[in-house]
Amino acid sequence: MTALDALGTALAAEHAAVFVYGALGGQTSQSSDPQLFAEVTDAYVVHRGRRDRLTAMITEAGGEPPAAEPGYDLPADLSGPVAVADRALRVERACAATYAYVVASTAGEERQWAVAALVDAAVRQVTFGGEPTALPGL
């Protein structure tokens, strides 16, 4: 796999993350759970920014950024904060695994950017109820 392949894989993961966080935001109440609402909103903004940055990186490298799918799988029940946090945790685990792949497949500035994204995904996992791990994404 090439660095461009890894960036494309990460972009596909970010497309999914943006979709899922958009849905989670619609299931989170700012009045009844302001902390979860803020965490989901922040994650949405961060993932949207990463999606846009990856699109630019792929284009600058002469590649064709993969398009988003028409939809992504969501659990049938997102009616409570526990279900929302659980789905957010799964998004962050998937993103951490993707960014670990990007770190292994890139060098220089791309790798530094991917390391920062991996660290952020690892921290967000803890925010959404995950346990810290020595090697996030692996």
N, C-alpha and C. Protein backbone atom coordinates (compact mmCIF):
# COMPACT_ATOMS: atom_id res chain seq x y z
N MET A 1 0.83 -1.18 0.00
CA MET A 1 0.00 0.00 0.00
C MET A 1 0.88 1.26 0.00
N THR A 2 0.38 2.24 -0.67
CA THR A 2 1.11 3.51 -0.75
C THR A 2 0.57 4.50 0.27
N ALA A 3 1.27 5.59 0.43
CA ALA A 3 0.80 6.66 1.32
C ALA A 3 -0.55 7.18 0.83
N LEU A 4 -0.70 7.28 -0.48
CA LEU A 4 -1.96 7.77 -1.04
C LEU A 4 -3.11 6.81 -0.71
N ASP A 5 -2.84 5.51 -0.75
CA ASP A 5 -3.86 4.53 -0.37
C ASP A 5 -4.26 4.71 1.09
N ALA A 6 -3.27 4.92 1.96
CA ALA A 6 -3.55 5.11 3.39
C ALA A 6 -4.38 6.37 3.61
N LEU A 7 -4.03 7.44 2.91
CA LEU A 7 -4.80 8.68 3.05
C LEU A 7 -6.23 8.49 2.56
N GLY A 8 -6.41 7.73 1.49
CA GLY A 8 -7.76 7.44 0.98
C GLY A 8 -8.57 6.63 1.97
N THR A 9 -7.92 5.68 2.63
CA THR A 9 -8.59 4.88 3.65
C THR A 9 -9.01 5.76 4.82
N ALA A 10 -8.13 6.68 5.22
CA ALA A 10 -8.46 7.59 6.31
C ALA A 10 -9.61 8.52 5.91
N LEU A 11 -9.61 8.97 4.66
CA LEU A 11 -10.70 9.83 4.21
C LEU A 11 -12.03 9.08 4.24
N ALA A 12 -12.03 7.83 3.83
CA ALA A 12 -13.26 7.04 3.90
C ALA A 12 -13.75 6.93 5.34
N ALA A 13 -12.83 6.75 6.28
CA ALA A 13 -13.20 6.67 7.69
C ALA A 13 -13.76 8.01 8.18
N GLU A 14 -13.17 9.09 7.71
CA GLU A 14 -13.66 10.41 8.13
C GLU A 14 -15.03 10.72 7.53
N HIS A 15 -15.28 10.28 6.31
CA HIS A 15 -16.64 10.43 5.75
C HIS A 15 -17.65 9.76 6.67
N ALA A 16 -17.33 8.55 7.09
CA ALA A 16 -18.22 7.81 7.99
C ALA A 16 -18.36 8.52 9.32
N ALA A 17 -17.26 9.01 9.88
CA ALA A 17 -17.30 9.69 11.17
C ALA A 17 -18.18 10.93 11.11
N VAL A 18 -18.05 11.71 10.06
CA VAL A 18 -18.87 12.92 9.92
C VAL A 18 -20.35 12.56 9.85
N PHE A 19 -20.68 11.53 9.09
CA PHE A 19 -22.08 11.09 8.99
C PHE A 19 -22.61 10.65 10.35
N VAL A 20 -21.84 9.79 11.02
CA VAL A 20 -22.30 9.24 12.29
C VAL A 20 -22.41 10.34 13.35
N TYR A 21 -21.42 11.21 13.44
CA TYR A 21 -21.50 12.29 14.44
C TYR A 21 -22.65 13.24 14.14
N GLY A 22 -22.97 13.44 12.88
CA GLY A 22 -24.15 14.26 12.55
C GLY A 22 -25.41 13.63 13.12
N ALA A 23 -25.53 12.32 12.96
CA ALA A 23 -26.69 11.61 13.51
C ALA A 23 -26.68 11.63 15.04
N LEU A 24 -25.51 11.45 15.63
CA LEU A 24 -25.41 11.46 17.10
C LEU A 24 -25.78 12.83 17.66
N GLY A 25 -25.39 13.88 16.97
CA GLY A 25 -25.75 15.22 17.41
C GLY A 25 -27.25 15.42 17.46
N GLY A 26 -27.95 14.80 16.52
CA GLY A 26 -29.40 14.90 16.50
C GLY A 26 -30.06 14.09 17.60
N GLN A 27 -29.31 13.22 18.24
CA GLN A 27 -29.86 12.38 19.31
C GLN A 27 -29.36 12.81 20.69
N THR A 28 -28.65 13.92 20.75
CA THR A 28 -28.06 14.38 22.00
C THR A 28 -28.71 15.69 22.42
N SER A 29 -29.04 15.80 23.67
CA SER A 29 -29.73 16.98 24.18
C SER A 29 -28.76 17.93 24.87
N GLN A 30 -28.73 19.17 24.39
CA GLN A 30 -27.88 20.17 25.01
C GLN A 30 -28.37 20.52 26.41
N SER A 31 -29.67 20.45 26.63
CA SER A 31 -30.20 20.82 27.94
C SER A 31 -30.08 19.69 28.97
N SER A 32 -30.32 18.43 28.55
CA SER A 32 -30.28 17.36 29.54
C SER A 32 -28.90 16.73 29.71
N ASP A 33 -28.03 16.84 28.71
CA ASP A 33 -26.68 16.30 28.84
C ASP A 33 -25.71 17.22 28.10
N PRO A 34 -25.45 18.40 28.67
CA PRO A 34 -24.61 19.39 27.97
C PRO A 34 -23.19 18.91 27.71
N GLN A 35 -22.63 18.09 28.59
CA GLN A 35 -21.26 17.62 28.37
C GLN A 35 -21.19 16.69 27.16
N LEU A 36 -22.09 15.73 27.07
CA LEU A 36 -22.11 14.82 25.93
C LEU A 36 -22.39 15.59 24.65
N PHE A 37 -23.32 16.53 24.71
CA PHE A 37 -23.63 17.35 23.54
C PHE A 37 -22.38 18.09 23.06
N ALA A 38 -21.63 18.68 23.99
CA ALA A 38 -20.42 19.42 23.63
C ALA A 38 -19.36 18.49 23.04
N GLU A 39 -19.21 17.29 23.63
CA GLU A 39 -18.22 16.33 23.13
C GLU A 39 -18.56 15.85 21.73
N VAL A 40 -19.83 15.56 21.49
CA VAL A 40 -20.27 15.11 20.16
C VAL A 40 -20.11 16.24 19.15
N THR A 41 -20.47 17.44 19.54
CA THR A 41 -20.36 18.59 18.64
C THR A 41 -18.89 18.85 18.29
N ASP A 42 -18.03 18.81 19.30
CA ASP A 42 -16.60 19.01 19.06
C ASP A 42 -16.04 17.93 18.14
N ALA A 43 -16.41 16.69 18.39
CA ALA A 43 -15.94 15.60 17.54
C ALA A 43 -16.40 15.78 16.09
N TYR A 44 -17.62 16.20 15.91
CA TYR A 44 -18.14 16.45 14.56
C TYR A 44 -17.29 17.50 13.84
N VAL A 45 -17.01 18.59 14.53
CA VAL A 45 -16.22 19.67 13.93
C VAL A 45 -14.81 19.19 13.59
N VAL A 46 -14.18 18.46 14.50
CA VAL A 46 -12.82 17.95 14.28
C VAL A 46 -12.80 16.99 13.09
N HIS A 47 -13.73 16.06 13.05
CA HIS A 47 -13.74 15.08 11.96
C HIS A 47 -14.07 15.74 10.62
N ARG A 48 -14.91 16.71 10.62
CA ARG A 48 -15.21 17.44 9.39
C ARG A 48 -13.94 18.15 8.89
N GLY A 49 -13.19 18.75 9.79
CA GLY A 49 -11.93 19.39 9.42
C GLY A 49 -10.91 18.39 8.89
N ARG A 50 -10.83 17.23 9.51
CA ARG A 50 -9.91 16.19 9.03
C ARG A 50 -10.33 15.69 7.65
N ARG A 51 -11.63 15.52 7.48
CA ARG A 51 -12.13 15.09 6.16
C ARG A 51 -11.69 16.09 5.09
N ASP A 52 -11.85 17.36 5.37
CA ASP A 52 -11.48 18.39 4.40
C ASP A 52 -9.97 18.42 4.17
N ARG A 53 -9.20 18.25 5.23
CA ARG A 53 -7.74 18.25 5.09
C ARG A 53 -7.27 17.04 4.30
N LEU A 54 -7.84 15.88 4.56
CA LEU A 54 -7.47 14.68 3.80
C LEU A 54 -7.82 14.83 2.33
N THR A 55 -8.96 15.42 2.05
CA THR A 55 -9.36 15.66 0.66
C THR A 55 -8.30 16.52 -0.04
N ALA A 56 -7.85 17.56 0.64
CA ALA A 56 -6.83 18.44 0.07
C ALA A 56 -5.50 17.71 -0.09
N MET A 57 -5.12 16.91 0.90
CA MET A 57 -3.85 16.19 0.83
C MET A 57 -3.83 15.22 -0.35
N ILE A 58 -4.92 14.52 -0.54
CA ILE A 58 -5.00 13.55 -1.65
C ILE A 58 -4.97 14.28 -2.99
N THR A 59 -5.71 15.36 -3.08
CA THR A 59 -5.74 16.14 -4.32
C THR A 59 -4.35 16.71 -4.63
N GLU A 60 -3.70 17.26 -3.61
CA GLU A 60 -2.35 17.82 -3.80
C GLU A 60 -1.34 16.76 -4.23
N ALA A 61 -1.56 15.51 -3.82
CA ALA A 61 -0.66 14.42 -4.19
C ALA A 61 -1.01 13.83 -5.56
N GLY A 62 -2.02 14.40 -6.21
CA GLY A 62 -2.41 13.93 -7.54
C GLY A 62 -3.39 12.78 -7.54
N GLY A 63 -3.96 12.49 -6.39
CA GLY A 63 -4.92 11.40 -6.30
C GLY A 63 -6.35 11.87 -6.43
N GLU A 64 -7.25 10.92 -6.48
CA GLU A 64 -8.68 11.19 -6.54
C GLU A 64 -9.28 10.83 -5.18
N PRO A 65 -9.75 11.83 -4.42
CA PRO A 65 -10.31 11.53 -3.10
C PRO A 65 -11.56 10.66 -3.23
N PRO A 66 -11.67 9.61 -2.42
CA PRO A 66 -12.87 8.78 -2.47
C PRO A 66 -14.08 9.58 -1.99
N ALA A 67 -15.19 9.36 -2.65
CA ALA A 67 -16.43 10.04 -2.28
C ALA A 67 -17.05 9.36 -1.06
N ALA A 68 -17.89 10.09 -0.38
CA ALA A 68 -18.64 9.53 0.75
C ALA A 68 -19.68 8.55 0.23
N GLU A 69 -19.98 7.57 1.04
CA GLU A 69 -21.07 6.64 0.74
C GLU A 69 -22.40 7.37 0.92
N PRO A 70 -23.47 6.87 0.32
CA PRO A 70 -24.77 7.53 0.52
C PRO A 70 -25.25 7.47 1.97
N GLY A 71 -24.81 6.49 2.73
CA GLY A 71 -25.20 6.36 4.13
C GLY A 71 -24.28 5.37 4.82
N TYR A 72 -24.36 5.35 6.15
CA TYR A 72 -23.53 4.47 6.95
C TYR A 72 -24.40 3.83 8.03
N ASP A 73 -23.96 2.69 8.53
CA ASP A 73 -24.74 1.96 9.53
C ASP A 73 -24.80 2.71 10.86
N LEU A 74 -25.99 2.74 11.40
CA LEU A 74 -26.23 3.29 12.73
C LEU A 74 -27.01 2.25 13.53
N PRO A 75 -26.79 2.21 14.84
CA PRO A 75 -27.59 1.30 15.66
C PRO A 75 -29.06 1.70 15.62
N ALA A 76 -29.92 0.73 15.81
CA ALA A 76 -31.35 1.01 15.78
C ALA A 76 -31.76 1.92 16.93
N ASP A 77 -31.08 1.80 18.06
CA ASP A 77 -31.45 2.59 19.23
C ASP A 77 -30.33 3.55 19.63
N LEU A 78 -30.56 4.81 19.38
CA LEU A 78 -29.65 5.86 19.84
C LEU A 78 -30.40 6.81 20.76
N SER A 79 -31.34 6.27 21.50
CA SER A 79 -32.26 7.11 22.26
C SER A 79 -31.71 7.62 23.59
N GLY A 80 -30.55 7.17 23.99
CA GLY A 80 -30.04 7.62 25.28
C GLY A 80 -28.57 7.96 25.23
N PRO A 81 -28.09 8.65 26.25
CA PRO A 81 -26.68 9.05 26.28
C PRO A 81 -25.70 7.88 26.24
N VAL A 82 -26.05 6.76 26.84
CA VAL A 82 -25.15 5.60 26.84
C VAL A 82 -24.98 5.07 25.43
N ALA A 83 -26.07 4.97 24.68
CA ALA A 83 -26.00 4.47 23.30
C ALA A 83 -25.23 5.44 22.41
N VAL A 84 -25.43 6.73 22.61
CA VAL A 84 -24.71 7.74 21.83
C VAL A 84 -23.22 7.66 22.13
N ALA A 85 -22.84 7.60 23.40
CA ALA A 85 -21.43 7.53 23.76
C ALA A 85 -20.80 6.24 23.25
N ASP A 86 -21.53 5.14 23.29
CA ASP A 86 -21.01 3.87 22.80
C ASP A 86 -20.72 3.95 21.30
N ARG A 87 -21.62 4.53 20.54
CA ARG A 87 -21.41 4.64 19.09
C ARG A 87 -20.26 5.60 18.80
N ALA A 88 -20.14 6.68 19.56
CA ALA A 88 -19.02 7.61 19.39
C ALA A 88 -17.70 6.91 19.70
N LEU A 89 -17.68 6.09 20.73
CA LEU A 89 -16.48 5.33 21.08
C LEU A 89 -16.08 4.43 19.92
N ARG A 90 -17.03 3.76 19.30
CA ARG A 90 -16.71 2.88 18.17
C ARG A 90 -16.16 3.67 16.98
N VAL A 91 -16.68 4.87 16.76
CA VAL A 91 -16.15 5.73 15.69
C VAL A 91 -14.69 6.06 15.97
N GLU A 92 -14.40 6.44 17.20
CA GLU A 92 -13.03 6.83 17.54
C GLU A 92 -12.07 5.64 17.47
N ARG A 93 -12.52 4.47 17.86
CA ARG A 93 -11.67 3.28 17.73
C ARG A 93 -11.35 3.01 16.26
N ALA A 94 -12.34 3.12 15.41
CA ALA A 94 -12.13 2.91 13.97
C ALA A 94 -11.17 3.95 13.41
N CYS A 95 -11.34 5.19 13.81
CA CYS A 95 -10.45 6.25 13.33
C CYS A 95 -9.02 6.04 13.84
N ALA A 96 -8.87 5.63 15.09
CA ALA A 96 -7.54 5.37 15.63
C ALA A 96 -6.84 4.28 14.82
N ALA A 97 -7.55 3.22 14.50
CA ALA A 97 -6.96 2.14 13.70
C ALA A 97 -6.56 2.64 12.33
N THR A 98 -7.40 3.47 11.74
CA THR A 98 -7.09 4.03 10.43
C THR A 98 -5.86 4.92 10.48
N TYR A 99 -5.79 5.77 11.51
CA TYR A 99 -4.64 6.67 11.60
C TYR A 99 -3.36 5.93 11.97
N ALA A 100 -3.44 4.83 12.67
CA ALA A 100 -2.25 4.02 12.92
C ALA A 100 -1.71 3.51 11.58
N TYR A 101 -2.60 3.13 10.68
CA TYR A 101 -2.23 2.69 9.34
C TYR A 101 -1.58 3.84 8.56
N VAL A 102 -2.14 5.03 8.68
CA VAL A 102 -1.56 6.19 7.98
C VAL A 102 -0.17 6.50 8.54
N VAL A 103 -0.01 6.43 9.84
CA VAL A 103 1.30 6.68 10.45
C VAL A 103 2.33 5.69 9.89
N ALA A 104 1.93 4.43 9.78
CA ALA A 104 2.85 3.41 9.27
C ALA A 104 3.14 3.55 7.78
N SER A 105 2.30 4.26 7.06
CA SER A 105 2.42 4.33 5.60
C SER A 105 2.93 5.66 5.06
N THR A 106 3.19 6.61 5.94
CA THR A 106 3.59 7.94 5.49
C THR A 106 4.90 8.36 6.15
N ALA A 107 5.37 9.53 5.75
CA ALA A 107 6.59 10.10 6.33
C ALA A 107 6.42 11.61 6.40
N GLY A 108 7.33 12.27 7.10
CA GLY A 108 7.36 13.72 7.12
C GLY A 108 6.11 14.35 7.70
N GLU A 109 5.68 15.43 7.06
CA GLU A 109 4.52 16.19 7.54
C GLU A 109 3.24 15.37 7.58
N GLU A 110 3.06 14.50 6.59
CA GLU A 110 1.86 13.65 6.59
C GLU A 110 1.84 12.76 7.82
N ARG A 111 2.99 12.18 8.16
CA ARG A 111 3.06 11.32 9.34
C ARG A 111 2.82 12.12 10.61
N GLN A 112 3.41 13.29 10.72
CA GLN A 112 3.20 14.13 11.91
C GLN A 112 1.72 14.46 12.07
N TRP A 113 1.06 14.79 10.97
CA TRP A 113 -0.37 15.09 11.02
C TRP A 113 -1.16 13.86 11.46
N ALA A 114 -0.79 12.70 10.92
CA ALA A 114 -1.49 11.45 11.27
C ALA A 114 -1.26 11.08 12.73
N VAL A 115 -0.06 11.32 13.25
CA VAL A 115 0.21 11.05 14.67
C VAL A 115 -0.71 11.91 15.54
N ALA A 116 -0.84 13.18 15.20
CA ALA A 116 -1.73 14.06 15.96
C ALA A 116 -3.18 13.58 15.90
N ALA A 117 -3.61 13.12 14.73
CA ALA A 117 -4.97 12.61 14.59
C ALA A 117 -5.15 11.32 15.41
N LEU A 118 -4.14 10.47 15.41
CA LEU A 118 -4.19 9.23 16.19
C LEU A 118 -4.28 9.54 17.68
N VAL A 119 -3.47 10.46 18.15
CA VAL A 119 -3.50 10.83 19.57
C VAL A 119 -4.87 11.40 19.94
N ASP A 120 -5.41 12.25 19.08
CA ASP A 120 -6.73 12.83 19.35
C ASP A 120 -7.79 11.73 19.41
N ALA A 121 -7.76 10.79 18.49
CA ALA A 121 -8.74 9.69 18.51
C ALA A 121 -8.60 8.87 19.79
N ALA A 122 -7.37 8.65 20.22
CA ALA A 122 -7.15 7.89 21.46
C ALA A 122 -7.72 8.63 22.66
N VAL A 123 -7.52 9.93 22.73
CA VAL A 123 -8.06 10.72 23.84
C VAL A 123 -9.58 10.74 23.78
N ARG A 124 -10.14 10.88 22.59
CA ARG A 124 -11.61 10.88 22.46
C ARG A 124 -12.21 9.54 22.88
N GLN A 125 -11.48 8.46 22.66
CA GLN A 125 -11.98 7.16 23.12
C GLN A 125 -12.21 7.20 24.63
N VAL A 126 -11.28 7.75 25.36
CA VAL A 126 -11.41 7.84 26.81
C VAL A 126 -12.58 8.76 27.16
N THR A 127 -12.71 9.85 26.43
CA THR A 127 -13.82 10.79 26.66
C THR A 127 -15.17 10.09 26.56
N PHE A 128 -15.27 9.15 25.61
CA PHE A 128 -16.54 8.46 25.39
C PHE A 128 -16.63 7.13 26.13
N GLY A 129 -15.80 6.94 27.14
CA GLY A 129 -15.93 5.76 28.01
C GLY A 129 -14.96 4.64 27.74
N GLY A 130 -14.04 4.80 26.80
CA GLY A 130 -13.06 3.76 26.52
C GLY A 130 -11.95 3.75 27.55
N GLU A 131 -11.19 2.69 27.52
CA GLU A 131 -10.03 2.55 28.42
C GLU A 131 -8.77 2.98 27.67
N PRO A 132 -7.86 3.68 28.34
CA PRO A 132 -6.60 4.02 27.69
C PRO A 132 -5.81 2.76 27.36
N THR A 133 -5.12 2.79 26.22
CA THR A 133 -4.28 1.65 25.83
C THR A 133 -2.89 2.14 25.51
N ALA A 134 -1.93 1.25 25.62
CA ALA A 134 -0.54 1.60 25.36
C ALA A 134 -0.30 1.91 23.88
N LEU A 135 -0.97 1.20 23.01
CA LEU A 135 -0.80 1.39 21.57
C LEU A 135 -2.17 1.59 20.92
N PRO A 136 -2.73 2.78 21.02
CA PRO A 136 -4.06 2.98 20.43
C PRO A 136 -4.04 2.76 18.93
N GLY A 137 -5.11 2.20 18.44
CA GLY A 137 -5.22 1.94 17.01
C GLY A 137 -4.67 0.61 16.57
N LEU A 138 -3.97 -0.09 17.47
CA LEU A 138 -3.40 -1.39 17.11
C LEU A 138 -4.13 -2.51 17.81
